[in-house]
PDB file of all heavy atoms in Angstrom:
ATOM      1  N   LYS A   1       0.863  -1.183   0.000  1.00  0.00           N
ATOM      2  CA  LYS A   1       0.000   0.000   0.000  1.00  0.00           C
ATOM      3  C   LYS A   1       0.897   1.230   0.000  1.00  0.00           C
ATOM      4  O   LYS A   1       2.003   1.199   0.540  1.00  0.00           O
ATOM      5  CB  LYS A   1      -0.895   0.010   1.242  1.00  0.00           C
ATOM      6  CG  LYS A   1      -1.897  -1.117   1.287  1.00  0.00           C
ATOM      7  CD  LYS A   1      -2.641  -1.154   2.611  1.00  0.00           C
ATOM      8  CE  LYS A   1      -3.441   0.110   2.809  1.00  0.00           C
ATOM      9  NZ  LYS A   1      -4.242   0.097   4.038  1.00  0.00           N
ATOM     10  N   LEU A   2       0.410   2.295  -0.569  1.00  0.00           N
ATOM     11  CA  LEU A   2       1.198   3.527  -0.668  1.00  0.00           C
ATOM     12  C   LEU A   2       1.604   4.035   0.712  1.00  0.00           C
ATOM     13  O   LEU A   2       2.718   4.517   0.895  1.00  0.00           O
ATOM     14  CB  LEU A   2       0.409   4.611  -1.426  1.00  0.00           C
ATOM     15  CG  LEU A   2       1.193   5.865  -1.769  1.00  0.00           C
ATOM     16  CD1 LEU A   2       2.335   5.534  -2.723  1.00  0.00           C
ATOM     17  CD2 LEU A   2       0.285   6.901  -2.395  1.00  0.00           C
ATOM     18  N   ASP A   3       0.727   3.894   1.710  1.00  0.00           N
ATOM     19  CA  ASP A   3       1.059   4.408   3.031  1.00  0.00           C
ATOM     20  C   ASP A   3       2.165   3.599   3.718  1.00  0.00           C
ATOM     21  O   ASP A   3       2.724   4.028   4.706  1.00  0.00           O
ATOM     22  CB  ASP A   3      -0.168   4.526   3.925  1.00  0.00           C
ATOM     23  CG  ASP A   3      -0.802   3.201   4.287  1.00  0.00           C
ATOM     24  OD1 ASP A   3      -0.359   2.151   3.783  1.00  0.00           O
ATOM     25  OD2 ASP A   3      -1.773   3.216   5.064  1.00  0.00           O
ATOM     26  N   ARG A   4       2.515   2.433   3.197  1.00  0.00           N
ATOM     27  CA  ARG A   4       3.645   1.669   3.726  1.00  0.00           C
ATOM     28  C   ARG A   4       4.957   2.256   3.212  1.00  0.00           C
ATOM     29  O   ARG A   4       6.003   2.074   3.815  1.00  0.00           O
ATOM     30  CB  ARG A   4       3.557   0.178   3.365  1.00  0.00           C
ATOM     31  CG  ARG A   4       2.309  -0.530   3.836  1.00  0.00           C
ATOM     32  CD  ARG A   4       1.830  -0.208   5.249  1.00  0.00           C
ATOM     33  NE  ARG A   4       2.857  -0.284   6.257  1.00  0.00           N
ATOM     34  CZ  ARG A   4       2.932   0.495   7.326  1.00  0.00           C
ATOM     35  NH1 ARG A   4       2.026   1.418   7.546  1.00  0.00           N
ATOM     36  NH2 ARG A   4       3.895   0.355   8.184  1.00  0.00           N
ATOM     37  N   LEU A   5       4.900   2.952   2.085  1.00  0.00           N
ATOM     38  CA  LEU A   5       6.073   3.639   1.555  1.00  0.00           C
ATOM     39  C   LEU A   5       6.301   4.930   2.346  1.00  0.00           C
ATOM     40  O   LEU A   5       7.401   5.208   2.795  1.00  0.00           O
ATOM     41  CB  LEU A   5       5.891   3.948   0.070  1.00  0.00           C
ATOM     42  CG  LEU A   5       7.035   4.624  -0.665  1.00  0.00           C
ATOM     43  CD1 LEU A   5       8.297   3.789  -0.590  1.00  0.00           C
ATOM     44  CD2 LEU A   5       6.651   4.870  -2.112  1.00  0.00           C
ATOM     45  N   SER A   6       5.229   5.693   2.503  1.00  0.00           N
ATOM     46  CA  SER A   6       5.306   6.921   3.286  1.00  0.00           C
ATOM     47  C   SER A   6       3.910   7.481   3.503  1.00  0.00           C
ATOM     48  O   SER A   6       3.027   7.296   2.669  1.00  0.00           O
ATOM     49  CB  SER A   6       6.164   7.970   2.582  1.00  0.00           C
ATOM     50  OG  SER A   6       6.226   9.144   3.350  1.00  0.00           O
ATOM     51  N   ARG A   7       3.740   8.193   4.606  1.00  0.00           N
ATOM     52  CA  ARG A   7       2.504   8.924   4.865  1.00  0.00           C
ATOM     53  C   ARG A   7       2.783  10.417   4.796  1.00  0.00           C
ATOM     54  O   ARG A   7       2.208  11.200   5.520  1.00  0.00           O
ATOM     55  CB  ARG A   7       1.944   8.555   6.240  1.00  0.00           C
ATOM     56  CG  ARG A   7       1.423   7.142   6.273  1.00  0.00           C
ATOM     57  CD  ARG A   7       0.772   6.823   7.591  1.00  0.00           C
ATOM     58  NE  ARG A   7       0.383   5.432   7.600  1.00  0.00           N
ATOM     59  CZ  ARG A   7      -0.737   4.972   8.098  1.00  0.00           C
ATOM     60  NH1 ARG A   7      -1.591   5.789   8.657  1.00  0.00           N
ATOM     61  NH2 ARG A   7      -1.025   3.708   8.068  1.00  0.00           N
ATOM     62  N   ASP A   8       3.672  10.778   3.906  1.00  0.00           N
ATOM     63  CA  ASP A   8       4.096  12.163   3.733  1.00  0.00           C
ATOM     64  C   ASP A   8       3.953  12.533   2.257  1.00  0.00           C
ATOM     65  O   ASP A   8       4.658  11.980   1.405  1.00  0.00           O
ATOM     66  CB  ASP A   8       5.547  12.295   4.193  1.00  0.00           C
ATOM     67  CG  ASP A   8       6.093  13.701   4.095  1.00  0.00           C
ATOM     68  OD1 ASP A   8       5.337  14.620   3.706  1.00  0.00           O
ATOM     69  OD2 ASP A   8       7.283  13.889   4.404  1.00  0.00           O
ATOM     70  N   VAL A   9       3.046  13.457   1.964  1.00  0.00           N
ATOM     71  CA  VAL A   9       2.787  13.854   0.581  1.00  0.00           C
ATOM     72  C   VAL A   9       4.059  14.383  -0.071  1.00  0.00           C
ATOM     73  O   VAL A   9       4.359  14.047  -1.221  1.00  0.00           O
ATOM     74  CB  VAL A   9       1.668  14.935   0.515  1.00  0.00           C
ATOM     75  CG1 VAL A   9       1.487  15.431  -0.903  1.00  0.00           C
ATOM     76  CG2 VAL A   9       0.373  14.383   1.050  1.00  0.00           C
ATOM     77  N   ALA A  10       4.817  15.175   0.662  1.00  0.00           N
ATOM     78  CA  ALA A  10       6.038  15.760   0.091  1.00  0.00           C
ATOM     79  C   ALA A  10       7.039  14.672  -0.292  1.00  0.00           C
ATOM     80  O   ALA A  10       7.699  14.762  -1.335  1.00  0.00           O
ATOM     81  CB  ALA A  10       6.665  16.737   1.081  1.00  0.00           C
ATOM     82  N   PHE A  11       7.150  13.628   0.522  1.00  0.00           N
ATOM     83  CA  PHE A  11       8.085  12.539   0.222  1.00  0.00           C
ATOM     84  C   PHE A  11       7.661  11.823  -1.055  1.00  0.00           C
ATOM     85  O   PHE A  11       8.475  11.585  -1.939  1.00  0.00           O
ATOM     86  CB  PHE A  11       8.140  11.557   1.400  1.00  0.00           C
ATOM     87  CG  PHE A  11       9.091  10.418   1.181  1.00  0.00           C
ATOM     88  CD1 PHE A  11      10.447  10.582   1.407  1.00  0.00           C
ATOM     89  CD2 PHE A  11       8.638   9.184   0.745  1.00  0.00           C
ATOM     90  CE1 PHE A  11      11.334   9.541   1.196  1.00  0.00           C
ATOM     91  CE2 PHE A  11       9.517   8.140   0.529  1.00  0.00           C
ATOM     92  CZ  PHE A  11      10.868   8.316   0.764  1.00  0.00           C
ATOM     93  N   ILE A  12       6.364  11.491  -1.154  1.00  0.00           N
ATOM     94  CA  ILE A  12       5.843  10.807  -2.343  1.00  0.00           C
ATOM     95  C   ILE A  12       6.023  11.707  -3.571  1.00  0.00           C
ATOM     96  O   ILE A  12       6.450  11.257  -4.633  1.00  0.00           O
ATOM     97  CB  ILE A  12       4.365  10.405  -2.166  1.00  0.00           C
ATOM     98  CG1 ILE A  12       4.204   9.427  -0.991  1.00  0.00           C
ATOM     99  CG2 ILE A  12       3.792   9.831  -3.447  1.00  0.00           C
ATOM    100  CD1 ILE A  12       4.854   8.083  -1.169  1.00  0.00           C
ATOM    101  N   ALA A  13       5.693  12.989  -3.425  1.00  0.00           N
ATOM    102  CA  ALA A  13       5.832  13.926  -4.538  1.00  0.00           C
ATOM    103  C   ALA A  13       7.286  14.025  -4.983  1.00  0.00           C
ATOM    104  O   ALA A  13       7.575  14.094  -6.183  1.00  0.00           O
ATOM    105  CB  ALA A  13       5.302  15.306  -4.140  1.00  0.00           C
ATOM    106  N   ASN A  14       8.203  14.011  -4.031  1.00  0.00           N
ATOM    107  CA  ASN A  14       9.627  14.063  -4.352  1.00  0.00           C
ATOM    108  C   ASN A  14      10.051  12.818  -5.134  1.00  0.00           C
ATOM    109  O   ASN A  14      10.812  12.914  -6.099  1.00  0.00           O
ATOM    110  CB  ASN A  14      10.456  14.205  -3.075  1.00  0.00           C
ATOM    111  CG  ASN A  14      11.910  14.489  -3.349  1.00  0.00           C
ATOM    112  OD1 ASN A  14      12.245  15.190  -4.305  1.00  0.00           O
ATOM    113  ND2 ASN A  14      12.776  13.949  -2.525  1.00  0.00           N
ATOM    114  N   LEU A  15       9.568  11.647  -4.730  1.00  0.00           N
ATOM    115  CA  LEU A  15       9.877  10.422  -5.476  1.00  0.00           C
ATOM    116  C   LEU A  15       9.367  10.513  -6.912  1.00  0.00           C
ATOM    117  O   LEU A  15      10.057  10.142  -7.859  1.00  0.00           O
ATOM    118  CB  LEU A  15       9.268   9.198  -4.784  1.00  0.00           C
ATOM    119  CG  LEU A  15       9.888   8.771  -3.455  1.00  0.00           C
ATOM    120  CD1 LEU A  15       9.134   7.568  -2.894  1.00  0.00           C
ATOM    121  CD2 LEU A  15      11.362   8.455  -3.593  1.00  0.00           C
ATOM    122  N   ILE A  16       8.138  11.027  -7.046  1.00  0.00           N
ATOM    123  CA  ILE A  16       7.542  11.160  -8.374  1.00  0.00           C
ATOM    124  C   ILE A  16       8.356  12.153  -9.212  1.00  0.00           C
ATOM    125  O   ILE A  16       8.688  11.886 -10.367  1.00  0.00           O
ATOM    126  CB  ILE A  16       6.065  11.598  -8.275  1.00  0.00           C
ATOM    127  CG1 ILE A  16       5.232  10.474  -7.643  1.00  0.00           C
ATOM    128  CG2 ILE A  16       5.508  11.962  -9.641  1.00  0.00           C
ATOM    129  CD1 ILE A  16       3.833  10.898  -7.234  1.00  0.00           C
ATOM    130  N   THR A  17       8.687  13.300  -8.623  1.00  0.00           N
ATOM    131  CA  THR A  17       9.436  14.337  -9.325  1.00  0.00           C
ATOM    132  C   THR A  17      10.809  13.832  -9.766  1.00  0.00           C
ATOM    133  O   THR A  17      11.259  14.132 -10.871  1.00  0.00           O
ATOM    134  CB  THR A  17       9.611  15.576  -8.420  1.00  0.00           C
ATOM    135  OG1 THR A  17       8.320  16.043  -8.046  1.00  0.00           O
ATOM    136  CG2 THR A  17      10.352  16.681  -9.134  1.00  0.00           C
ATOM    137  N   GLN A  18      11.454  13.052  -8.897  1.00  0.00           N
ATOM    138  CA  GLN A  18      12.781  12.530  -9.222  1.00  0.00           C
ATOM    139  C   GLN A  18      12.717  11.261 -10.077  1.00  0.00           C
ATOM    140  O   GLN A  18      13.741  10.652 -10.342  1.00  0.00           O
ATOM    141  CB  GLN A  18      13.561  12.250  -7.945  1.00  0.00           C
ATOM    142  CG  GLN A  18      13.909  13.508  -7.189  1.00  0.00           C
ATOM    143  CD  GLN A  18      14.739  13.202  -5.943  1.00  0.00           C
ATOM    144  OE1 GLN A  18      15.082  12.064  -5.656  1.00  0.00           O
ATOM    145  NE2 GLN A  18      15.050  14.241  -5.197  1.00  0.00           N
ATOM    146  N   ARG A  19      11.502  10.894 -10.456  1.00  0.00           N
ATOM    147  CA  ARG A  19      11.279   9.717 -11.309  1.00  0.00           C
ATOM    148  C   ARG A  19      11.840   8.428 -10.701  1.00  0.00           C
ATOM    149  O   ARG A  19      12.420   7.591 -11.381  1.00  0.00           O
ATOM    150  CB  ARG A  19      11.837   9.948 -12.697  1.00  0.00           C
ATOM    151  CG  ARG A  19      11.185  11.117 -13.419  1.00  0.00           C
ATOM    152  CD  ARG A  19      11.661  11.209 -14.853  1.00  0.00           C
ATOM    153  NE  ARG A  19      11.184  12.411 -15.485  1.00  0.00           N
ATOM    154  CZ  ARG A  19       9.995  12.550 -16.072  1.00  0.00           C
ATOM    155  NH1 ARG A  19       9.149  11.558 -16.091  1.00  0.00           N
ATOM    156  NH2 ARG A  19       9.657  13.686 -16.643  1.00  0.00           N
ATOM    157  N   VAL A  20      11.682   8.317  -9.384  1.00  0.00           N
ATOM    158  CA  VAL A  20      12.067   7.084  -8.699  1.00  0.00           C
ATOM    159  C   VAL A  20      10.928   6.096  -8.906  1.00  0.00           C
ATOM    160  O   VAL A  20       9.794   6.361  -8.504  1.00  0.00           O
ATOM    161  CB  VAL A  20      12.292   7.330  -7.190  1.00  0.00           C
ATOM    162  CG1 VAL A  20      12.562   6.027  -6.462  1.00  0.00           C
ATOM    163  CG2 VAL A  20      13.415   8.334  -6.974  1.00  0.00           C
ATOM    164  N   PRO A  21      11.201   4.966  -9.538  1.00  0.00           N
ATOM    165  CA  PRO A  21      10.118   4.026  -9.823  1.00  0.00           C
ATOM    166  C   PRO A  21       9.654   3.275  -8.573  1.00  0.00           C
ATOM    167  O   PRO A  21      10.468   2.718  -7.850  1.00  0.00           O
ATOM    168  CB  PRO A  21      10.730   3.067 -10.848  1.00  0.00           C
ATOM    169  CG  PRO A  21      12.191   3.156 -10.639  1.00  0.00           C
ATOM    170  CD  PRO A  21      12.478   4.518 -10.089  1.00  0.00           C
ATOM    171  N   PHE A  22       8.362   3.314  -8.330  1.00  0.00           N
ATOM    172  CA  PHE A  22       7.775   2.532  -7.248  1.00  0.00           C
ATOM    173  C   PHE A  22       6.381   2.119  -7.672  1.00  0.00           C
ATOM    174  O   PHE A  22       5.727   2.788  -8.473  1.00  0.00           O
ATOM    175  CB  PHE A  22       7.754   3.299  -5.921  1.00  0.00           C
ATOM    176  CG  PHE A  22       6.907   4.522  -5.916  1.00  0.00           C
ATOM    177  CD1 PHE A  22       5.571   4.463  -5.527  1.00  0.00           C
ATOM    178  CD2 PHE A  22       7.435   5.748  -6.281  1.00  0.00           C
ATOM    179  CE1 PHE A  22       4.785   5.606  -5.514  1.00  0.00           C
ATOM    180  CE2 PHE A  22       6.656   6.882  -6.269  1.00  0.00           C
ATOM    181  CZ  PHE A  22       5.321   6.818  -5.886  1.00  0.00           C
ATOM    182  N   VAL A  23       5.941   0.990  -7.134  1.00  0.00           N
ATOM    183  CA  VAL A  23       4.631   0.461  -7.470  1.00  0.00           C
ATOM    184  C   VAL A  23       3.900   0.140  -6.178  1.00  0.00           C
ATOM    185  O   VAL A  23       4.447  -0.531  -5.307  1.00  0.00           O
ATOM    186  CB  VAL A  23       4.747  -0.824  -8.332  1.00  0.00           C
ATOM    187  CG1 VAL A  23       3.383  -1.427  -8.583  1.00  0.00           C
ATOM    188  CG2 VAL A  23       5.458  -0.526  -9.632  1.00  0.00           C
ATOM    189  N   SER A  24       2.684   0.630  -6.079  1.00  0.00           N
ATOM    190  CA  SER A  24       1.809   0.262  -4.982  1.00  0.00           C
ATOM    191  C   SER A  24       0.889  -0.828  -5.507  1.00  0.00           C
ATOM    192  O   SER A  24       0.126  -0.602  -6.450  1.00  0.00           O
ATOM    193  CB  SER A  24       0.993   1.480  -4.519  1.00  0.00           C
ATOM    194  OG  SER A  24      -0.045   1.062  -3.664  1.00  0.00           O
ATOM    195  N   VAL A  25       0.966  -2.020  -4.924  1.00  0.00           N
ATOM    196  CA  VAL A  25       0.147  -3.143  -5.385  1.00  0.00           C
ATOM    197  C   VAL A  25      -1.336  -2.784  -5.286  1.00  0.00           C
ATOM    198  O   VAL A  25      -2.130  -3.115  -6.160  1.00  0.00           O
ATOM    199  CB  VAL A  25       0.467  -4.421  -4.573  1.00  0.00           C
ATOM    200  CG1 VAL A  25      -0.466  -5.559  -4.935  1.00  0.00           C
ATOM    201  CG2 VAL A  25       1.918  -4.817  -4.783  1.00  0.00           C
ATOM    202  N   GLU A  26      -1.695  -2.043  -4.246  1.00  0.00           N
ATOM    203  CA  GLU A  26      -3.079  -1.632  -4.035  1.00  0.00           C
ATOM    204  C   GLU A  26      -3.607  -0.793  -5.205  1.00  0.00           C
ATOM    205  O   GLU A  26      -4.748  -0.951  -5.634  1.00  0.00           O
ATOM    206  CB  GLU A  26      -3.163  -0.830  -2.732  1.00  0.00           C
ATOM    207  CG  GLU A  26      -4.533  -0.268  -2.427  1.00  0.00           C
ATOM    208  CD  GLU A  26      -4.519   0.616  -1.195  1.00  0.00           C
ATOM    209  OE1 GLU A  26      -3.640   1.504  -1.100  1.00  0.00           O
ATOM    210  OE2 GLU A  26      -5.392   0.405  -0.347  1.00  0.00           O
ATOM    211  N   LEU A  27      -2.754   0.085  -5.736  1.00  0.00           N
ATOM    212  CA  LEU A  27      -3.181   0.993  -6.801  1.00  0.00           C
ATOM    213  C   LEU A  27      -2.823   0.481  -8.192  1.00  0.00           C
ATOM    214  O   LEU A  27      -3.379   0.954  -9.183  1.00  0.00           O
ATOM    215  CB  LEU A  27      -2.550   2.379  -6.592  1.00  0.00           C
ATOM    216  CG  LEU A  27      -2.881   3.057  -5.266  1.00  0.00           C
ATOM    217  CD1 LEU A  27      -2.102   4.353  -5.134  1.00  0.00           C
ATOM    218  CD2 LEU A  27      -4.368   3.305  -5.150  1.00  0.00           C
ATOM    219  N   GLY A  28      -1.869  -0.419  -8.253  1.00  0.00           N
ATOM    220  CA  GLY A  28      -1.466  -0.967  -9.546  1.00  0.00           C
ATOM    221  C   GLY A  28      -0.299  -0.211 -10.147  1.00  0.00           C
ATOM    222  O   GLY A  28       0.009   0.917  -9.766  1.00  0.00           O
ATOM    223  N   ALA A  29       0.332  -0.842 -11.111  1.00  0.00           N
ATOM    224  CA  ALA A  29       1.522  -0.270 -11.738  1.00  0.00           C
ATOM    225  C   ALA A  29       1.205   0.928 -12.618  1.00  0.00           C
ATOM    226  O   ALA A  29       2.076   1.741 -12.910  1.00  0.00           O
ATOM    227  CB  ALA A  29       2.234  -1.339 -12.567  1.00  0.00           C
ATOM    228  N   ASP A  30      -0.038   1.062 -13.053  1.00  0.00           N
ATOM    229  CA  ASP A  30      -0.392   2.146 -13.969  1.00  0.00           C
ATOM    230  C   ASP A  30      -1.035   3.338 -13.268  1.00  0.00           C
ATOM    231  O   ASP A  30      -1.653   4.184 -13.920  1.00  0.00           O
ATOM    232  CB  ASP A  30      -1.306   1.616 -15.076  1.00  0.00           C
ATOM    233  CG  ASP A  30      -2.597   1.010 -14.522  1.00  0.00           C
ATOM    234  OD1 ASP A  30      -2.656   0.771 -13.294  1.00  0.00           O
ATOM    235  OD2 ASP A  30      -3.530   0.788 -15.313  1.00  0.00           O
ATOM    236  N   ALA A  31      -0.896   3.427 -11.936  1.00  0.00           N
ATOM    237  CA  ALA A  31      -1.476   4.558 -11.201  1.00  0.00           C
ATOM    238  C   ALA A  31      -0.790   5.843 -11.642  1.00  0.00           C
ATOM    239  O   ALA A  31       0.442   5.931 -11.681  1.00  0.00           O
ATOM    240  CB  ALA A  31      -1.307   4.358  -9.704  1.00  0.00           C
ATOM    241  N   ASP A  32      -1.580   6.842 -11.972  1.00  0.00           N
ATOM    242  CA  ASP A  32      -0.990   8.101 -12.439  1.00  0.00           C
ATOM    243  C   ASP A  32      -0.614   8.987 -11.245  1.00  0.00           C
ATOM    244  O   ASP A  32      -1.068   8.773 -10.127  1.00  0.00           O
ATOM    245  CB  ASP A  32      -1.930   8.814 -13.410  1.00  0.00           C
ATOM    246  CG  ASP A  32      -3.199   9.326 -12.761  1.00  0.00           C
ATOM    247  OD1 ASP A  32      -3.479   8.948 -11.607  1.00  0.00           O
ATOM    248  OD2 ASP A  32      -3.925  10.110 -13.401  1.00  0.00           O
ATOM    249  N   PRO A  33       0.254   9.973 -11.475  1.00  0.00           N
ATOM    250  CA  PRO A  33       0.725  10.831 -10.382  1.00  0.00           C
ATOM    251  C   PRO A  33      -0.399  11.527  -9.618  1.00  0.00           C
ATOM    252  O   PRO A  33      -0.300  11.701  -8.405  1.00  0.00           O
ATOM    253  CB  PRO A  33       1.618  11.852 -11.097  1.00  0.00           C
ATOM    254  CG  PRO A  33       2.100  11.137 -12.309  1.00  0.00           C
ATOM    255  CD  PRO A  33       0.958  10.255 -12.723  1.00  0.00           C
ATOM    256  N   PHE A  34      -1.469  11.906 -10.295  1.00  0.00           N
ATOM    257  CA  PHE A  34      -2.586  12.558  -9.619  1.00  0.00           C
ATOM    258  C   PHE A  34      -3.178  11.633  -8.558  1.00  0.00           C
ATOM    259  O   PHE A  34      -3.405  12.045  -7.419  1.00  0.00           O
ATOM    260  CB  PHE A  34      -3.663  12.958 -10.640  1.00  0.00           C
ATOM    261  CG  PHE A  34      -4.878  13.565 -10.009  1.00  0.00           C
ATOM    262  CD1 PHE A  34      -4.831  14.845  -9.487  1.00  0.00           C
ATOM    263  CD2 PHE A  34      -6.063  12.854  -9.929  1.00  0.00           C
ATOM    264  CE1 PHE A  34      -5.948  15.414  -8.890  1.00  0.00           C
ATOM    265  CE2 PHE A  34      -7.185  13.409  -9.337  1.00  0.00           C
ATOM    266  CZ  PHE A  34      -7.133  14.691  -8.820  1.00  0.00           C
ATOM    267  N   MET A  35      -3.413  10.370  -8.923  1.00  0.00           N
ATOM    268  CA  MET A  35      -3.967   9.414  -7.970  1.00  0.00           C
ATOM    269  C   MET A  35      -2.987   9.159  -6.821  1.00  0.00           C
ATOM    270  O   MET A  35      -3.393   9.054  -5.665  1.00  0.00           O
ATOM    271  CB  MET A  35      -4.304   8.087  -8.669  1.00  0.00           C
ATOM    272  CG  MET A  35      -5.477   8.172  -9.619  1.00  0.00           C
ATOM    273  SD  MET A  35      -7.004   8.632  -8.768  1.00  0.00           S
ATOM    274  CE  MET A  35      -7.254   7.216  -7.729  1.00  0.00           C
ATOM    275  N   LEU A  36      -1.705   9.081  -7.157  1.00  0.00           N
ATOM    276  CA  LEU A  36      -0.707   8.865  -6.122  1.00  0.00           C
ATOM    277  C   LEU A  36      -0.702  10.024  -5.121  1.00  0.00           C
ATOM    278  O   LEU A  36      -0.603   9.807  -3.911  1.00  0.00           O
ATOM    279  CB  LEU A  36       0.679   8.681  -6.744  1.00  0.00           C
ATOM    280  CG  LEU A  36       0.879   7.392  -7.545  1.00  0.00           C
ATOM    281  CD1 LEU A  36       2.207   7.424  -8.272  1.00  0.00           C
ATOM    282  CD2 LEU A  36       0.771   6.174  -6.654  1.00  0.00           C
ATOM    283  N   HIS A  37      -0.825  11.245  -5.627  1.00  0.00           N
ATOM    284  CA  HIS A  37      -0.878  12.411  -4.745  1.00  0.00           C
ATOM    285  C   HIS A  37      -2.120  12.361  -3.851  1.00  0.00           C
ATOM    286  O   HIS A  37      -2.045  12.666  -2.657  1.00  0.00           O
ATOM    287  CB  HIS A  37      -0.871  13.717  -5.561  1.00  0.00           C
ATOM    288  CG  HIS A  37       0.484  14.141  -5.983  1.00  0.00           C
ATOM    289  ND1 HIS A  37       1.038  13.772  -7.182  1.00  0.00           N
ATOM    290  CD2 HIS A  37       1.419  14.907  -5.362  1.00  0.00           C
ATOM    291  CE1 HIS A  37       2.239  14.293  -7.286  1.00  0.00           C
ATOM    292  NE2 HIS A  37       2.497  14.983  -6.198  1.00  0.00           N
TER     293      HIS A  37
END
């Protein structure tokens, strides 16, 4: 689940911005950045 990676929006946004690949099984590999935010 995404919250197991972090419960901090800024941290998740930073991963997305830096193009660090991660997959949340709950959301699927094709989850777009908007949904992740």
